[in-house]
C-alpha cells in the first residue's frame, strides 16, 4: 500500500456532529475505486448512449468535462445530454492558432460558441458524447490541455494577465503561474489512456496495479485526490485582477526594484455556499505568511497536502479548505502547514491590495510593441446577428497573428502588436459589429455573469442571458444620474455557487428562486472585502429600480468624488441604506 494512501486513511477521517466517524461521501467512493480516475469511463464512452453513469460523471470532471442537460431542449423524450469541455490555460496565455482550434471545434461539434471563463480558461458547450475524444485530442494537439480544468484537484492557476514587458514583475508572476500549474497537475496516466492513446497501436495500458501497487502514481494527490476543488491565483498589490482573495490559495507578489522578493500567502478563500445549509458560507482568503519565490512550490504543496489529509471527505458542502481553516483556526492551520513544509514560516508583510488593472484598451507593452484589451461581454465568443466577434477573431488571427491573454473578467488581450496594427485591429472589430472597449460603458466593462440557464445543472435563475438587458436599463438610468463613468463591479450568478465571484463585488446578484435574486452591496473593485445582503428575494423586474434608488442616494450623499459606490454602501451599511432607499418601509 502506498504511503500516500496510508496517510489518507490515517488522517482524513471526518466526524459527524455527534463525534462519530463519518462515512465518506459517494464521490469519495467513486474516486477510491476508479484506479486513478479511469473507472468505468472506457466502457461507457463506447456504450452507444448519450450519457454516463453517476461514477463516470464525477470522474470526468477531473478530465475537464461536465455532463449537462439543455433545459431549453427538453422534450417528450426527456433530457437532451451534451458536454461542456473546459481548457485550463495558466494565466490565460495562448496563441492565435490555439484559439482558432477552439473556434473550429465549437463550429464542428459544439453549439457554435466559445466562452472565456472567469478563471482565464475556455469552454466549449454542446459537445456530443461521441465527439469527446475528438475534442480533447484536438485541444492537446495544439499544446493545450483539459486535465484538471475541473474536479477535486488544483484548478487553472490564475494570474494578472497584462503583458507589461517593461515591468519584469509581470513576467516573473506569469512564470510562477506556469511553474505552479505544471507542479500541481495530476499525473494519472488515465488521461492519456482515455483521450490521447491510439487504440490501434496495441500499446499496453498505462494504468494498472490498483491502489496497492508499489508505484505512487499520484505523489501529491494520492488515489482519492482532494476532498474538493482547489483554486490558486497570483496578483500584485496594485493589480488584483486575478481576484486572489476569492481563492483557496492567493499569492500577493511583493516587489522591490522591479523584482519580486516574495509573496504574501493568503489562504481560505471560496465563494460556494448553500443557503439552506447554515454551515456553509462564502469567505475571502486571510494572510498567513510571507515566503520567498524559491519557497512557493514547496509551500503550495504543503498547503494542498494538509487539505488533502484533513479536509472533510464525508460532506462535500463543507469540504473546501475554508471550512478546515474555520474549524481549526488560522494559527493551527499554519502550524500544520509548517509541519508538512518542514520549517517555520514568517509572518505576512503589512501590505494590502490597492488596485485592479483589467488590461482593457490600447497600451504600450514597454518593449516597443503594444497590446489591446477588448471587452467581451460575459466572455461569450459568438456570431449573432450583426455582432460577429467569432468572425472578427478569425480575421485578426489571419492578419496580425497576435499572442493572446484571457482575463479574469472574461475578456481578451491582443499582445505583441506593432503600433501600426491599431488601425487594422479596430477596423476589423468595427466592420464585424464588435464594440471597442472605449465605446463600452463602465458598467458593462466591469460586469460579469456565469452561464446559468439552460445548461448549468445548478442554475435556478437566468444570468448570462439576463444581465445584458439589465445593464441596458441601468446605463440609461446612470446617465441621467450623472454616474455613467462611475467604476464598480457588477456580478450575477444563477445560483449561490458563486462562479462569477458575486460576493466581493460592489453589486452582486445571486439567483435564489425562480425569477428572484439576492441583492448584495458593499464589496469593492479591489476584491478584498465581502459584501452584505441588502435585500433577499428581489423579483427580476424590480432589480433595476432597487439599484437606482441606492445610486441616487450615493450621488447625493457620497463623502467625495473619490468615494466609490462599494465604499459608500459599506460605510452607510444595510440599515442606513434601507432607511433611505426602501420604499416599502
Protein backbone atom coordinates (compact mmCIF):
# COMPACT_ATOMS: atom_id res chain seq x y z
CA UNK A 1 0.00 0.00 0.00
CA UNK A 2 1.38 3.43 -0.94
CA UNK A 3 2.47 5.91 1.73
CA UNK A 4 0.01 8.44 0.36
CA UNK A 5 -2.93 6.05 0.77
CA UNK A 6 -1.85 5.10 4.29
CA UNK A 7 -1.64 8.79 5.16
CA UNK A 8 -5.11 9.42 3.78
CA UNK A 9 -6.63 6.50 5.62
CA UNK A 10 -4.97 7.53 8.86
CA UNK A 11 -5.67 11.25 8.76
CA UNK A 12 -8.69 12.10 6.64
CA UNK A 13 -11.41 10.57 8.80
CA UNK A 14 -14.28 13.01 9.24
CA UNK A 15 -16.56 13.09 12.23
CA UNK A 16 -20.24 13.92 12.33
CA UNK A 17 -21.79 16.31 14.84
CA UNK A 18 -22.03 13.52 17.44
CA UNK A 19 -18.31 12.80 17.25
CA UNK A 20 -18.77 9.52 15.39
CA UNK A 21 -16.61 8.69 12.43
CA UNK A 22 -18.49 9.84 9.34
CA UNK A 23 -18.88 7.74 6.23
CA UNK A 24 -17.06 9.09 3.16
CA UNK A 25 -19.30 10.65 0.52
CA UNK A 26 -20.31 8.73 -2.60
CA UNK A 27 -17.87 10.78 -4.66
CA UNK A 28 -15.02 9.62 -2.41
CA UNK A 29 -16.06 6.05 -3.16
CA UNK A 30 -16.05 6.73 -6.90
CA UNK A 31 -12.52 8.15 -6.72
CA UNK A 32 -11.23 5.37 -4.48
CA UNK A 33 -12.49 2.65 -6.83
CA UNK A 34 -11.53 4.48 -10.03
CA UNK A 35 -7.91 3.32 -10.37
CA UNK A 36 -6.67 6.91 -10.63
CA UNK A 37 -9.65 8.44 -12.47
CA UNK A 38 -10.16 5.72 -15.06
CA UNK A 39 -13.17 3.97 -13.52
CA UNK A 40 -15.94 2.79 -15.84
CA UNK A 41 -15.35 5.64 -18.32
CA UNK A 42 -13.74 3.49 -21.09
CA UNK A 43 -16.71 1.13 -21.30
CA UNK A 44 -19.33 3.86 -21.03
CA UNK A 45 -17.56 6.02 -23.61
CA UNK A 46 -18.48 3.47 -26.30
CA UNK A 47 -21.77 2.08 -24.96
CA UNK A 48 -23.90 3.81 -27.60
CA UNK A 49 -25.82 6.06 -25.18
CA UNK A 50 -25.66 9.87 -24.94
CA UNK A 51 -24.76 9.95 -21.23
CA UNK A 52 -22.59 8.46 -18.47
CA UNK A 53 -23.38 6.85 -15.11
CA UNK A 54 -23.01 8.52 -11.72
CA UNK A 55 -19.41 7.46 -11.09
CA UNK A 56 -18.17 8.46 -14.53
CA UNK A 57 -19.91 11.85 -14.32
CA UNK A 58 -17.82 12.69 -11.24
CA UNK A 59 -14.58 11.25 -12.60
CA UNK A 60 -14.94 13.02 -15.95
CA UNK A 61 -14.73 16.39 -14.22
CA UNK A 62 -11.07 15.72 -13.45
CA UNK A 63 -10.54 15.22 -17.19
CA UNK A 64 -12.08 18.62 -17.91
CA UNK A 65 -15.65 17.85 -18.92
CA UNK A 66 -19.11 18.12 -17.35
CA UNK A 67 -22.20 16.25 -18.45
CA UNK A 68 -25.01 18.76 -18.96
CA UNK A 69 -28.69 18.81 -19.85
CA UNK A 70 -30.02 21.65 -22.00
CA UNK A 71 -33.26 22.59 -20.30
CA UNK A 72 -34.42 24.62 -23.29
CA UNK A 73 -34.35 21.50 -25.45
CA UNK A 74 -36.07 19.02 -23.18
CA UNK A 75 -38.93 17.35 -24.94
CA UNK A 76 -41.23 14.37 -24.77
CA UNK A 77 -38.21 12.07 -24.78
CA UNK A 78 -36.80 13.67 -21.66
CA UNK A 79 -33.39 15.23 -21.16
CA UNK A 80 -31.04 16.00 -24.01
CA UNK A 81 -27.47 15.46 -22.86
CA UNK A 82 -24.30 17.11 -24.10
CA UNK A 83 -20.95 18.04 -22.60
CA UNK A 84 -19.08 21.15 -21.62
CA UNK A 85 -15.34 20.80 -22.27
CA UNK A 86 -13.07 23.22 -20.40
CA UNK A 87 -9.48 24.03 -21.31
CA UNK A 88 -7.12 25.01 -18.48
CA UNK A 89 -4.84 27.87 -19.57
CA UNK A 90 -2.49 29.09 -16.78
CA UNK A 91 -2.59 32.86 -16.58
CA UNK A 92 -4.77 32.91 -19.70
CA UNK A 93 -1.77 32.77 -22.09
CA UNK A 94 -2.32 31.25 -25.53
CA UNK A 95 -1.58 31.93 -29.19
CA UNK A 96 -3.83 32.65 -32.16
CA UNK A 97 -3.60 29.11 -33.55
CA UNK A 98 -4.79 27.67 -30.24
CA UNK A 99 -7.79 29.99 -30.10
CA UNK A 100 -8.61 29.20 -33.74
CA UNK A 101 -8.58 25.48 -32.93
CA UNK A 102 -11.18 26.06 -30.21
CA UNK A 103 -13.29 28.13 -32.61
CA UNK A 104 -13.09 25.34 -35.18
CA UNK A 105 -14.26 22.83 -32.60
CA UNK A 106 -17.20 24.95 -31.47
CA UNK A 107 -18.42 25.03 -35.08
CA UNK A 108 -17.69 21.38 -35.86
CA UNK A 109 -19.07 19.70 -32.73
CA UNK A 110 -20.24 22.36 -30.24
CA UNK A 111 -23.01 24.94 -30.05
CA UNK A 112 -21.07 27.38 -32.31
CA UNK A 113 -19.80 29.47 -29.38
CA UNK A 114 -16.75 29.51 -27.14
CA UNK A 115 -16.79 31.02 -23.66
CA UNK A 116 -13.92 32.71 -21.85
CA UNK A 117 -14.22 31.58 -18.23
CA UNK A 118 -13.86 33.57 -15.03
CA UNK A 119 -10.62 31.64 -14.40
CA UNK A 120 -8.94 32.54 -17.72
CA UNK A 121 -9.78 29.31 -19.50
CA UNK A 122 -12.02 28.42 -22.44
CA UNK A 123 -15.23 26.39 -22.52
CA UNK A 124 -16.96 24.58 -25.36
CA UNK A 125 -20.64 23.79 -24.88
CA UNK A 126 -23.00 21.33 -26.56
CA UNK A 127 -20.38 18.68 -27.36
CA UNK A 128 -21.98 15.25 -28.01
CA UNK A 129 -20.64 12.30 -26.05
CA UNK A 130 -19.41 10.62 -29.22
CA UNK A 131 -17.17 13.61 -30.01
CA UNK A 132 -15.50 13.95 -26.61
CA UNK A 133 -12.36 12.08 -27.58
CA UNK A 134 -12.00 14.04 -30.82
CA UNK A 135 -12.37 17.35 -28.99
CA UNK A 136 -9.97 16.62 -26.15
CA UNK A 137 -7.40 15.13 -28.53
CA UNK A 138 -7.55 18.23 -30.75
CA UNK A 139 -7.10 20.55 -27.77
CA UNK A 140 -4.00 18.59 -26.76
CA UNK A 141 -2.76 18.59 -30.37
CA UNK A 142 -2.40 22.39 -30.19
CA UNK A 143 -0.46 22.12 -26.89
CA UNK A 144 -3.34 22.90 -24.55
CA UNK A 145 -4.99 20.56 -22.03
CA UNK A 146 -8.28 19.92 -20.29
CA UNK A 147 -6.90 17.88 -17.39
CA UNK A 148 -7.64 19.45 -14.00
CA UNK A 149 -9.79 22.18 -15.53
CA UNK A 150 -12.49 20.74 -13.25
CA UNK A 151 -12.59 18.17 -10.42
CA UNK A 152 -11.13 17.71 -6.94
CA UNK A 153 -7.67 18.97 -7.83
CA UNK A 154 -5.77 22.20 -8.37
CA UNK A 155 -7.80 24.10 -10.96
CA UNK A 156 -6.46 26.53 -13.56
CA UNK A 157 -3.85 28.78 -11.93
CA UNK A 158 -4.83 32.41 -12.40
CA UNK A 159 -2.52 35.38 -12.77
CA UNK A 160 -2.71 39.08 -13.61
CA UNK A 161 -2.55 38.83 -17.41
CA UNK A 162 -1.39 42.24 -18.65
CA UNK A 163 1.73 41.83 -20.86
CA UNK A 164 3.85 44.66 -19.46
CA UNK A 165 7.27 43.74 -20.83
CA UNK A 166 8.79 46.91 -19.40
CA UNK A 167 7.95 45.66 -15.89
CA UNK A 168 9.74 42.35 -15.24
CA UNK A 169 7.49 41.72 -12.23
CA UNK A 170 4.65 40.69 -14.57
CA UNK A 171 6.87 38.18 -16.38
CA UNK A 172 8.04 36.81 -13.03
CA UNK A 173 4.45 36.35 -11.81
CA UNK A 174 3.34 34.71 -15.02
CA UNK A 175 6.34 32.38 -14.99
CA UNK A 176 5.41 31.38 -11.44
CA UNK A 177 1.84 30.63 -12.57
CA UNK A 178 3.23 28.28 -15.24
CA UNK A 179 5.52 26.55 -12.73
CA UNK A 180 2.72 26.08 -10.20
CA UNK A 181 0.34 24.73 -12.83
CA UNK A 182 2.90 22.19 -14.00
CA UNK A 183 3.93 21.19 -10.48
CA UNK A 184 0.36 20.73 -9.19
CA UNK A 185 -1.13 19.00 -12.23
CA UNK A 186 -2.37 15.40 -11.71
CA UNK A 187 -0.01 12.71 -13.02
CA UNK A 188 -2.53 9.95 -13.72
CA UNK A 189 -1.92 8.07 -16.99
CA UNK A 190 -5.70 7.65 -17.28
CA UNK A 191 -5.93 10.98 -19.13
CA UNK A 192 -3.59 9.78 -21.88
CA UNK A 193 -5.23 6.37 -21.93
CA UNK A 194 -8.73 7.76 -22.42
CA UNK A 195 -8.22 10.64 -24.79
CA UNK A 196 -4.82 10.52 -26.50
CA UNK A 197 -3.73 6.90 -26.98
CA UNK A 198 -4.04 5.39 -30.44
CA UNK A 199 -6.28 2.36 -29.90
CA UNK A 200 -4.92 0.63 -32.99
CA UNK A 201 -1.32 0.76 -31.77
CA UNK A 202 -1.63 -2.25 -29.48
CA UNK A 203 0.04 -0.17 -26.77
CA UNK A 204 -0.20 -1.68 -23.30
CA UNK A 205 -2.44 0.02 -20.76
CA UNK A 206 -0.56 2.55 -18.67
CA UNK A 207 -3.00 2.43 -15.77
CA UNK A 208 -2.70 -0.60 -13.58
CA UNK A 209 -1.55 -2.03 -10.32
CA UNK A 210 -4.56 -0.77 -8.37
CA UNK A 211 -4.37 1.10 -5.10
CA UNK A 212 -1.89 -1.32 -3.53
CA UNK A 213 0.68 -1.02 -6.31
CA UNK A 214 4.28 -0.24 -5.41
CA UNK A 215 4.38 2.88 -7.57
CA UNK A 216 2.76 6.03 -6.28
CA UNK A 217 1.09 7.24 -9.46
CA UNK A 218 -0.10 10.45 -7.82
CA UNK A 219 2.62 11.55 -5.35
CA UNK A 220 0.73 14.73 -4.44
CA UNK A 221 -2.93 13.75 -4.67
CA UNK A 222 -2.95 10.06 -3.90
CA UNK A 223 -5.68 7.73 -5.18
CA UNK A 224 -8.56 9.82 -3.78
CA UNK A 225 -7.29 13.26 -4.85
CA UNK A 226 -8.58 16.23 -2.81
CA UNK A 227 -11.80 16.45 -0.78
CA UNK A 228 -12.97 19.24 -3.09
CA UNK A 229 -11.76 21.67 -5.76
CA UNK A 230 -8.71 23.83 -5.02
CA UNK A 231 -8.06 27.22 -6.63
CA UNK A 232 -4.89 29.32 -6.81
CA UNK A 233 -4.25 32.86 -8.09
CA UNK A 234 -1.34 35.30 -8.24
CA UNK A 235 -1.63 39.10 -8.13
CA UNK A 236 0.02 42.35 -7.12
CA UNK A 237 -0.94 44.95 -4.51
CA UNK A 238 -1.60 47.34 -7.40
CA UNK A 239 -3.27 44.74 -9.64
CA UNK A 240 -5.68 42.27 -8.15
CA UNK A 241 -7.31 41.41 -11.46
CA UNK A 242 -6.81 37.72 -10.59
CA UNK A 243 -9.05 38.19 -7.51
CA UNK A 244 -6.61 36.43 -5.17
CA UNK A 245 -8.87 36.81 -2.11
CA UNK A 246 -11.51 34.55 -3.67
CA UNK A 247 -9.11 31.59 -3.95
CA UNK A 248 -8.11 28.74 -1.64
CA UNK A 249 -4.53 29.93 -2.14
CA UNK A 250 -3.71 33.50 -3.08
CA UNK A 251 -0.19 34.75 -3.71
CA UNK A 252 0.34 38.50 -3.44
CA UNK A 253 3.64 39.34 -5.14
CA UNK A 254 5.74 41.90 -3.29
CA UNK A 255 8.39 43.64 -5.37
CA UNK A 256 11.37 45.90 -4.76
CA UNK A 257 13.46 47.50 -7.50
CA UNK A 258 11.42 45.81 -10.26
CA UNK A 259 11.95 42.33 -8.82
CA UNK A 260 9.66 40.04 -6.80
CA UNK A 261 11.27 39.49 -3.40
CA UNK A 262 8.48 37.26 -2.13
CA UNK A 263 4.78 36.62 -1.74
CA UNK A 264 2.23 37.12 1.00
CA UNK A 265 0.37 33.79 1.18
CA UNK A 266 -3.40 34.08 1.58
CA UNK A 267 -5.49 31.02 2.41
CA UNK A 268 -9.13 30.01 2.70
CA UNK A 269 -11.00 31.96 0.07
CA UNK A 270 -14.01 30.35 -1.62
CA UNK A 271 -17.47 31.57 -2.64
CA UNK A 272 -19.62 28.45 -2.99
CA UNK A 273 -22.46 28.29 -0.47
CA UNK A 274 -25.80 26.56 0.10
CA UNK A 275 -28.41 28.95 1.56
CA UNK A 276 -30.42 26.08 3.06
CA UNK A 277 -27.32 24.90 4.96
CA UNK A 278 -26.31 27.40 7.65
CA UNK A 279 -22.96 25.63 7.99
CA UNK A 280 -21.90 26.94 4.57
CA UNK A 281 -20.69 30.45 3.75
CA UNK A 282 -18.60 32.44 1.28
CA UNK A 283 -15.24 33.67 2.54
CA UNK A 284 -12.28 35.72 1.41
CA UNK A 285 -8.76 34.44 1.98
CA UNK A 286 -6.71 35.50 5.01
CA UNK A 287 -2.99 36.39 5.06
CA UNK A 288 -1.00 33.53 6.62
CA UNK A 289 2.71 34.09 5.94
CA UNK A 290 5.40 35.63 3.73
CA UNK A 291 7.63 33.42 1.60
CA UNK A 292 10.43 33.87 -0.91
CA UNK A 293 9.95 32.92 -4.59
CA UNK A 294 12.08 29.81 -4.05
CA UNK A 295 9.63 28.57 -1.38
CA UNK A 296 6.44 28.88 -3.44
CA UNK A 297 6.23 25.37 -4.90
CA UNK A 298 7.03 23.60 -1.64
CA UNK A 299 4.73 25.75 0.50
CA UNK A 300 1.88 25.37 -2.01
CA UNK A 301 2.46 21.61 -1.93
CA UNK A 302 2.36 21.58 1.87
CA UNK A 303 -0.90 23.56 1.95
CA UNK A 304 -2.54 21.19 -0.54
CA UNK A 305 -1.33 18.15 1.42
CA UNK A 306 -2.86 19.50 4.63
CA UNK A 307 -6.18 19.97 2.84
CA UNK A 308 -5.80 16.52 1.25
CA UNK A 309 -5.27 14.81 4.59
CA UNK A 310 -7.61 16.79 6.86
CA UNK A 311 -10.34 18.25 4.67
CA UNK A 312 -13.86 16.88 5.11
CA UNK A 313 -14.46 13.84 2.91
CA UNK A 314 -17.92 12.98 4.18
CA UNK A 315 -19.85 16.17 3.40
CA UNK A 316 -18.97 17.93 0.15
CA UNK A 317 -20.89 21.03 1.20
CA UNK A 318 -18.17 21.76 3.76
CA UNK A 319 -15.19 20.15 2.05
CA UNK A 320 -13.39 23.28 0.79
CA UNK A 321 -10.30 24.38 2.68
CA UNK A 322 -12.05 27.43 4.15
CA UNK A 323 -14.05 25.13 6.43
CA UNK A 324 -10.93 23.35 7.67
CA UNK A 325 -9.38 26.72 8.50
CA UNK A 326 -12.55 27.93 10.20
CA UNK A 327 -12.75 24.74 12.29
CA UNK A 328 -9.09 24.78 13.28
CA UNK A 329 -8.31 28.47 13.34
CA UNK A 330 -5.64 30.06 11.16
CA UNK A 331 -2.81 29.56 13.65
CA UNK A 332 -3.33 25.82 13.98
CA UNK A 333 -3.63 25.53 10.20
CA UNK A 334 -0.35 27.42 9.75
CA UNK A 335 1.38 25.15 12.27
CA UNK A 336 0.27 22.08 10.35
CA UNK A 337 1.50 23.61 7.07
CA UNK A 338 4.85 24.32 8.74
CA UNK A 339 4.98 20.69 9.87
CA UNK A 340 4.40 19.48 6.33
CA UNK A 341 6.79 22.04 4.86
CA UNK A 342 9.47 21.28 7.43
CA UNK A 343 10.29 24.80 8.64
CA UNK A 344 8.81 27.86 10.30
CA UNK A 345 7.07 30.39 8.06
CA UNK A 346 7.48 34.14 8.53
CA UNK A 347 4.50 36.46 9.23
CA UNK A 348 2.91 38.21 6.25
CA UNK A 349 4.14 41.67 5.27
CA UNK A 350 1.79 44.58 6.15
CA UNK A 351 0.91 45.25 2.51
CA UNK A 352 -2.61 45.45 1.14
CA UNK A 353 -4.37 45.45 -2.21
CA UNK A 354 -4.84 48.91 -3.67
CA UNK A 355 -5.70 48.42 -7.34
CA UNK A 356 -7.21 46.33 -10.12
CA UNK A 357 -5.95 46.65 -13.71
CA UNK A 358 -8.28 44.93 -16.16
CA UNK A 359 -5.87 45.48 -19.08
CA UNK A 360 -8.53 46.95 -21.36
CA UNK A 361 -7.74 49.44 -24.14
CA UNK A 362 -4.58 50.26 -26.15
CA UNK A 363 -1.29 50.30 -24.20
CA UNK A 364 2.45 50.21 -24.76
CA UNK A 365 3.99 46.94 -23.57
CA UNK A 366 7.34 48.54 -22.77
CA UNK A 367 9.30 46.62 -25.38
CA UNK A 368 8.38 48.71 -28.41
CA UNK A 369 5.19 46.75 -29.03
CA UNK A 370 1.60 47.31 -27.91
CA UNK A 371 -1.41 45.42 -26.60
CA UNK A 372 -5.15 45.97 -26.84
CA UNK A 373 -7.67 44.71 -24.30
CA UNK A 374 -11.11 44.04 -25.78
CA UNK A 375 -14.12 43.79 -23.51
CA UNK A 376 -16.07 40.59 -24.25
CA UNK A 377 -19.46 40.71 -22.59
CA UNK A 378 -19.75 37.72 -20.25
CA UNK A 379 -16.91 36.05 -22.15
CA UNK A 380 -19.14 34.70 -24.93
CA UNK A 381 -17.40 34.45 -28.32
CA UNK A 382 -20.12 34.15 -30.96
CA UNK A 383 -21.58 35.41 -34.21
CA UNK A 384 -25.14 36.59 -33.59
CA UNK A 385 -26.96 38.98 -35.91
CA UNK A 386 -24.76 41.97 -36.70
CA UNK A 387 -22.40 41.11 -33.82
CA UNK A 388 -19.70 38.84 -35.27
CA UNK A 389 -16.93 38.51 -32.70
CA UNK A 390 -16.03 34.99 -33.83
CA UNK A 391 -15.55 36.16 -37.41
CA UNK A 392 -13.55 39.17 -36.22
CA UNK A 393 -11.19 36.98 -34.20
CA UNK A 394 -10.53 34.77 -37.22
CA UNK A 395 -9.70 37.84 -39.31
CA UNK A 396 -7.43 39.29 -36.62
CA UNK A 397 -5.59 35.98 -36.26
CA UNK A 398 -5.02 35.82 -40.01
CA UNK A 399 -3.99 39.47 -40.42
CA UNK A 400 -1.96 40.04 -37.25
CA UNK A 401 -1.36 36.63 -35.60
CA UNK A 402 -1.16 38.15 -32.11
CA UNK A 403 -0.33 36.26 -28.96
CA UNK A 404 -3.30 36.38 -26.59
CA UNK A 405 -4.24 36.66 -22.94
CA UNK A 406 -7.62 35.79 -21.44
CA UNK A 407 -8.56 37.93 -18.45
CA UNK A 408 -10.24 37.01 -15.15
CA UNK A 409 -13.09 39.31 -16.22
CA UNK A 410 -13.76 37.12 -19.26
CA UNK A 411 -12.19 39.44 -21.82
CA UNK A 412 -9.29 39.11 -24.27
CA UNK A 413 -5.99 40.94 -24.75
CA UNK A 414 -4.23 41.02 -28.13
CA UNK A 415 -0.48 41.19 -27.46
CA UNK A 416 2.82 41.95 -29.23
CA UNK A 417 1.28 44.29 -31.79
CA UNK A 418 3.09 46.87 -33.90
CA UNK A 419 1.90 50.42 -33.31
CA UNK A 420 0.59 50.45 -36.88
CA UNK A 421 -1.67 47.44 -36.11
CA UNK A 422 -4.09 49.52 -34.05
CA UNK A 423 -5.96 50.81 -37.10
CA UNK A 424 -6.21 47.33 -38.66
CA UNK A 425 -7.41 45.73 -35.42
CA UNK A 426 -10.09 48.32 -34.76
CA UNK A 427 -11.28 48.34 -38.37
CA UNK A 428 -11.84 44.58 -38.25
CA UNK A 429 -13.76 44.83 -35.00
CA UNK A 430 -15.96 47.71 -36.13
CA UNK A 431 -16.69 46.10 -39.51
CA UNK A 432 -17.93 42.99 -37.67
CA UNK A 433 -20.16 44.93 -35.29
CA UNK A 434 -17.96 44.43 -32.22
CA UNK A 435 -17.95 47.45 -29.86
CA UNK A 436 -14.49 48.68 -28.94
CA UNK A 437 -13.58 48.80 -25.26
CA UNK A 438 -13.52 52.61 -25.39
CA UNK A 439 -17.08 52.52 -26.74
CA UNK A 440 -18.25 50.26 -23.89
CA UNK A 441 -19.93 51.75 -20.81
CA UNK A 442 -18.19 51.48 -17.45
CA UNK A 443 -20.97 49.31 -16.01
CA UNK A 444 -20.80 46.85 -18.90
CA UNK A 445 -16.99 46.74 -18.84
CA UNK A 446 -16.95 45.86 -15.13
CA UNK A 447 -19.83 43.36 -15.24
CA UNK A 448 -19.63 39.58 -15.25
CA UNK A 449 -22.12 36.70 -15.32
CA UNK A 450 -22.00 32.92 -15.10
CA UNK A 451 -23.56 30.78 -17.90
CA UNK A 452 -26.50 29.58 -15.74
CA UNK A 453 -29.53 28.51 -17.80
CA UNK A 454 -30.05 26.49 -19.89
CA UNK A 455 -27.08 24.12 -19.43
CA UNK A 456 -25.81 24.52 -15.85
CA UNK A 457 -27.40 21.90 -13.64
CA UNK A 458 -27.21 24.14 -10.57
CA UNK A 459 -28.84 27.22 -12.11
CA UNK A 460 -32.04 28.48 -10.53
CA UNK A 461 -32.38 31.75 -12.44
CA UNK A 462 -31.07 33.38 -15.60
CA UNK A 463 -27.67 35.08 -15.50
CA UNK A 464 -25.65 35.42 -18.73
CA UNK A 465 -28.79 35.74 -20.84
CA UNK A 466 -30.35 38.33 -18.49
CA UNK A 467 -27.53 40.62 -17.39
CA UNK A 468 -27.01 42.44 -20.74
CA UNK A 469 -30.60 43.72 -20.92
CA UNK A 470 -30.49 44.64 -17.23
CA UNK A 471 -27.38 46.70 -17.97
CA UNK A 472 -29.17 48.34 -20.91
CA UNK A 473 -31.70 49.72 -18.43
CA UNK A 474 -29.10 50.72 -15.86
CA UNK A 475 -26.94 52.50 -18.43
CA UNK A 476 -29.78 54.89 -19.19
CA UNK A 477 -30.57 55.48 -15.52
CA UNK A 478 -26.94 56.05 -14.53
CA UNK A 479 -26.52 58.51 -17.37
CA UNK A 480 -29.49 60.51 -16.10
CA UNK A 481 -27.96 60.49 -12.61
CA UNK A 482 -24.62 61.73 -13.93
CA UNK A 483 -22.91 58.47 -12.91
CA UNK A 484 -22.24 56.97 -16.34
CA UNK A 485 -18.47 56.89 -15.78
CA UNK A 486 -18.59 55.50 -12.25
CA UNK A 487 -16.47 52.35 -11.87
CA UNK A 488 -17.91 49.46 -9.86
CA UNK A 489 -18.05 45.69 -10.23
CA UNK A 490 -21.46 44.17 -11.03
CA UNK A 491 -21.61 40.37 -10.99
CA UNK A 492 -24.51 37.99 -11.45
CA UNK A 493 -24.92 34.25 -10.90
CA UNK A 494 -27.82 31.89 -11.46
CA UNK A 495 -27.25 30.11 -8.14
CA UNK A 496 -25.38 30.63 -4.84
CA UNK A 497 -22.33 28.65 -6.02
CA UNK A 498 -20.77 31.99 -6.93
CA UNK A 499 -18.87 31.13 -10.12
CA UNK A 500 -18.81 34.78 -11.26
CA UNK A 501 -17.49 35.86 -7.84
CA UNK A 502 -20.53 37.93 -6.71
CA UNK A 503 -19.70 38.02 -3.00
CA UNK A 504 -16.85 40.55 -3.06
CA UNK A 505 -18.19 42.82 -5.81
CA UNK A 506 -19.75 46.27 -5.40
CA UNK A 507 -23.03 44.76 -6.58
CA UNK A 508 -23.80 41.05 -6.53
CA UNK A 509 -26.95 39.35 -7.83
CA UNK A 510 -27.38 35.70 -6.87
CA UNK A 511 -30.27 33.52 -8.04
CA UNK A 512 -32.33 32.42 -5.02
CA UNK A 513 -35.53 31.02 -6.51
CA UNK A 514 -37.23 31.17 -9.89
CA UNK A 515 -37.23 34.78 -11.09
CA UNK A 516 -35.85 36.20 -7.84
CA UNK A 517 -32.39 37.21 -6.66
CA UNK A 518 -30.49 38.03 -3.50
CA UNK A 519 -29.05 41.53 -3.90
CA UNK A 520 -25.62 42.12 -2.33
CA UNK A 521 -23.95 45.51 -1.89
CA UNK A 522 -20.76 46.87 -0.33
CA UNK A 523 -17.86 44.95 -1.82
CA UNK A 524 -15.30 46.77 -3.93
CA UNK A 525 -13.34 46.59 -7.18
CA UNK A 526 -10.15 45.62 -5.35
CA UNK A 527 -11.83 42.38 -4.21
CA UNK A 528 -10.58 42.22 -0.62
CA UNK A 529 -13.89 42.82 1.14
CA UNK A 530 -17.07 40.78 1.36
CA UNK A 531 -20.34 42.49 0.53
CA UNK A 532 -23.57 42.11 2.53
CA UNK A 533 -27.13 41.08 1.75
CA UNK A 534 -29.07 44.26 1.08
CA UNK A 535 -32.31 42.58 0.09
CA UNK A 536 -33.38 38.98 -0.46
CA UNK A 537 -35.85 37.54 -2.95
CA UNK A 538 -35.89 40.61 -5.17
CA UNK A 539 -38.07 39.96 -8.27
CA UNK A 540 -36.17 40.20 -11.53
CA UNK A 541 -38.32 43.12 -12.73
CA UNK A 542 -37.55 45.13 -9.55
CA UNK A 543 -33.75 44.83 -9.53
CA UNK A 544 -33.01 47.95 -11.60
CA UNK A 545 -35.40 50.14 -9.59
CA UNK A 546 -33.87 48.93 -6.32
CA UNK A 547 -30.37 49.77 -7.56
CA UNK A 548 -31.35 53.16 -8.96
CA UNK A 549 -32.65 54.27 -5.56
CA UNK A 550 -29.33 53.35 -3.94
CA UNK A 551 -27.36 55.07 -6.72
CA UNK A 552 -29.39 58.25 -6.26
CA UNK A 553 -28.58 58.21 -2.53
CA UNK A 554 -24.90 57.61 -3.39
CA UNK A 555 -24.83 60.55 -5.81
CA UNK A 556 -26.37 62.91 -3.27
CA UNK A 557 -24.53 61.82 -0.11
CA UNK A 558 -21.10 60.42 -1.05
CA UNK A 559 -18.32 61.98 1.02
CA UNK A 560 -16.25 62.92 -2.01
CA UNK A 561 -15.79 62.19 -5.70
CA UNK A 562 -13.16 59.64 -4.64
CA UNK A 563 -15.58 57.54 -2.56
CA UNK A 564 -16.59 54.53 -4.63
CA UNK A 565 -20.08 53.07 -4.76
CA UNK A 566 -18.97 49.98 -2.84
CA UNK A 567 -17.20 52.04 -0.18
CA UNK A 568 -20.29 54.22 0.21
CA UNK A 569 -22.57 51.21 0.72
CA UNK A 570 -20.07 49.70 3.16
CA UNK A 571 -19.90 52.95 5.15
CA UNK A 572 -23.65 53.51 5.29
CA UNK A 573 -24.46 49.85 5.97
CA UNK A 574 -27.57 47.82 5.31
CA UNK A 575 -29.87 49.58 7.78
CA UNK A 576 -28.81 53.04 6.65
CA UNK A 577 -29.42 52.15 3.01
CA UNK A 578 -32.81 50.62 3.75
CA UNK A 579 -33.86 53.69 5.74
CA UNK A 580 -33.19 55.97 2.78
CA UNK A 581 -33.93 53.70 -0.18
CA UNK A 582 -36.58 51.14 0.77
CA UNK A 583 -39.94 52.45 -0.38
CA UNK A 584 -41.77 49.58 1.33
CA UNK A 585 -40.93 50.91 4.79
